[in-house]
Protein backbone atom coordinates (compact mmCIF):
# COMPACT_ATOMS: atom_id res chain seq x y z
CA MET A 1 0.00 -0.01 -0.02
CA ASN A 2 1.30 3.42 -0.95
CA ASP A 3 1.79 5.53 2.23
CA THR A 4 1.72 8.81 0.30
CA VAL A 5 -2.03 8.29 -0.36
CA LYS A 6 -3.99 9.82 2.55
CA ILE A 7 -7.58 8.76 2.89
CA VAL A 8 -9.78 11.10 4.87
CA ASP A 9 -12.10 9.61 7.56
CA VAL A 10 -15.57 11.19 7.37
CA PRO A 11 -18.16 10.69 10.13
CA ALA A 12 -21.31 8.83 9.06
CA ASP A 13 -23.60 11.79 9.43
CA ALA A 14 -21.26 13.90 7.27
CA THR A 15 -21.12 11.11 4.74
CA TRP A 16 -24.99 11.20 4.57
CA ALA A 17 -24.88 14.93 4.07
CA ARG A 18 -22.40 14.63 1.24
CA LEU A 19 -24.41 11.86 -0.42
CA GLU A 20 -27.53 14.00 -0.13
CA ALA A 21 -25.86 17.22 -1.43
CA ASP A 22 -23.84 15.67 -4.33
CA LYS A 23 -25.78 13.64 -6.85
CA ASP A 24 -22.55 12.06 -8.05
CA ALA A 25 -21.28 10.93 -4.64
CA VAL A 26 -21.34 7.15 -4.19
CA LEU A 27 -21.38 4.85 -1.13
CA ILE A 28 -19.59 1.53 -1.52
CA ASP A 29 -20.11 -1.18 1.09
CA VAL A 30 -17.05 -3.51 1.12
CA ARG A 31 -18.33 -5.92 3.81
CA THR A 32 -19.14 -9.57 3.04
CA ARG A 33 -22.40 -10.92 1.63
CA ALA A 34 -23.07 -12.47 5.04
CA GLU A 35 -22.75 -9.04 6.73
CA TRP A 36 -25.08 -7.44 4.17
CA THR A 37 -27.62 -10.11 4.69
CA PHE A 38 -27.52 -10.62 8.39
CA VAL A 39 -26.40 -7.24 9.77
CA GLY A 40 -28.02 -4.92 7.27
CA LEU A 41 -27.17 -2.34 4.64
CA PRO A 42 -27.32 1.49 4.54
CA ASP A 43 -30.54 2.50 2.85
CA LEU A 44 -30.14 5.41 0.41
CA SER A 45 -33.55 5.03 -1.20
CA SER A 46 -34.70 8.40 0.19
CA LEU A 47 -31.76 9.96 -1.80
CA ASN A 48 -32.72 8.09 -4.92
CA LYS A 49 -29.47 6.20 -4.71
CA ARG A 50 -28.33 2.70 -3.92
CA VAL A 51 -25.28 1.37 -2.17
CA LEU A 52 -22.72 -0.43 -4.39
CA THR A 53 -21.76 -3.70 -2.76
CA VAL A 54 -18.38 -5.22 -3.55
CA GLU A 55 -16.62 -7.52 -1.09
CA TRP A 56 -13.06 -6.47 -0.08
CA GLN A 57 -12.50 -9.87 1.57
CA SER A 58 -14.23 -13.11 0.98
CA PHE A 59 -15.91 -15.02 3.85
CA PRO A 60 -14.98 -17.27 5.56
CA GLU A 61 -11.34 -17.30 4.32
CA SER A 62 -10.89 -13.50 4.94
CA ARG A 63 -8.73 -13.38 1.85
CA ILE A 64 -8.50 -10.02 0.18
CA ASP A 65 -9.93 -10.02 -3.32
CA SER A 66 -6.90 -9.28 -5.56
CA GLY A 67 -9.35 -8.18 -8.35
CA PHE A 68 -11.18 -5.78 -6.17
CA ALA A 69 -10.12 -2.53 -7.86
CA ASP A 70 -10.88 -3.94 -11.34
CA LYS A 71 -14.18 -5.33 -10.22
CA LEU A 72 -15.34 -2.03 -8.60
CA ALA A 73 -14.06 0.00 -11.62
CA SER A 74 -16.24 -2.21 -13.83
CA HIS A 75 -19.24 -1.52 -11.51
CA PHE A 76 -18.49 2.20 -11.71
CA GLU A 77 -18.34 2.07 -15.52
CA LYS A 78 -21.67 0.26 -15.68
CA ALA A 79 -23.24 2.75 -13.26
CA GLY A 80 -21.80 5.82 -15.03
CA VAL A 81 -19.66 6.83 -12.02
CA ARG A 82 -17.00 9.35 -13.03
CA LYS A 83 -13.43 8.93 -11.83
CA ASP A 84 -13.59 12.38 -10.16
CA ALA A 85 -16.69 11.45 -8.10
CA GLU A 86 -16.53 11.49 -4.31
CA LEU A 87 -16.43 7.89 -3.17
CA PHE A 88 -17.28 6.83 0.37
CA PHE A 89 -16.23 3.39 1.50
CA ILE A 90 -17.88 1.67 4.43
CA CYS A 91 -17.28 -1.67 6.28
CA ARG A 92 -18.11 -2.85 9.81
CA SER A 93 -15.82 -0.54 11.80
CA GLY A 94 -13.67 1.30 9.28
CA ALA A 95 -10.60 -0.81 8.74
CA ARG A 96 -11.45 -2.79 5.58
CA SER A 97 -13.03 0.35 4.04
CA GLN A 98 -9.82 2.36 4.68
CA SER A 99 -7.85 -0.36 2.77
CA ALA A 100 -10.43 -0.43 -0.09
CA ALA A 101 -10.33 3.33 -0.34
CA HIS A 102 -6.52 3.23 -0.59
CA ALA A 103 -6.75 0.61 -3.38
CA MET A 104 -9.11 2.77 -5.40
CA ALA A 105 -7.12 5.93 -4.79
CA GLU A 106 -4.07 4.09 -6.14
CA ALA A 107 -6.18 2.97 -9.16
CA GLY A 108 -6.69 6.64 -10.04
CA TYR A 109 -9.87 7.71 -8.17
CA PRO A 110 -8.69 10.86 -6.38
CA HIS A 111 -11.68 11.47 -4.04
CA CYS A 112 -11.85 8.38 -1.94
CA ARG A 113 -13.13 8.74 1.66
CA ASN A 114 -13.45 6.30 4.53
CA VAL A 115 -16.71 6.30 6.61
CA ALA A 116 -15.31 6.67 10.11
CA ASP A 117 -16.41 3.87 12.47
CA GLY A 118 -18.17 2.08 9.59
CA PHE A 119 -21.66 0.61 9.70
CA GLU A 120 -21.58 -0.78 13.27
CA GLY A 121 -18.77 1.09 14.97
CA PRO A 122 -16.64 -0.14 17.85
CA LEU A 123 -17.56 -2.47 20.67
CA ASP A 124 -19.42 -0.87 23.60
CA SER A 125 -18.95 -1.82 27.29
CA ARG A 126 -21.14 -4.91 26.74
CA GLN A 127 -18.97 -6.00 23.83
CA GLN A 128 -21.68 -5.24 21.25
CA ARG A 129 -21.60 -3.07 18.12
CA GLY A 130 -23.98 -0.52 16.68
CA GLN A 131 -24.43 1.64 19.78
CA VAL A 132 -21.33 3.80 20.15
CA ALA A 133 -20.56 5.17 16.67
CA GLY A 134 -20.93 4.50 13.01
CA TRP A 135 -23.89 4.48 10.61
CA LYS A 136 -26.33 2.64 12.85
CA ALA A 137 -25.49 4.58 15.99
CA ALA A 138 -25.95 7.90 14.05
CA GLY A 139 -29.52 6.84 13.41
CA LEU A 140 -29.01 6.85 9.61
CA PRO A 141 -31.40 4.81 7.43
CA TRP A 142 -30.56 1.17 6.98
CA LYS A 143 -32.43 -1.97 6.18
CA GLN A 144 -32.11 -5.67 7.07
CA GLY A 145 -30.80 -7.97 4.35
C-alpha cells in the first residue's frame, strides 16, 4: 500500500450529508455478503441512490480479493460513475473500507473517503456493536438484508 495516499475519515452523518448534497457521490459497502444479509445495509432510497456492494475480503477465508479494484471499476463504468466522483467506503468498523479506499485511490480515483467507524462502529462496554458510533448509531437509514 502506498503511504503517500492519505484517505480522509468522514463521520457517518457527514457522509450522509455529502451523499444528499452531491448527486454524483457514491457509497460503496465492502463488507461480506453475510454481513449485508444478516447485519443490514445502509438505505439510500430516500436519496434516490443505492449502495454499491463489492466484497473487499471473502468469507470465511478472509482473503482480500486481488481483483477488487478492477471489479469495482467495472461497476463504476456500468453505473456511469466518473473517476472524479466523491467515493465513500464503508465496512463494519472502518478498517477494511480504509484499505479499499486506498486501493481505489491508487487505481486513479482521487476522491476516496473512509466512513469513520463504519456501519456498526466499535464495541461498547457490553462487547456489542451498533451503539457507540458509526452508521447505525448515528440513526441513519438502514435495512435488514
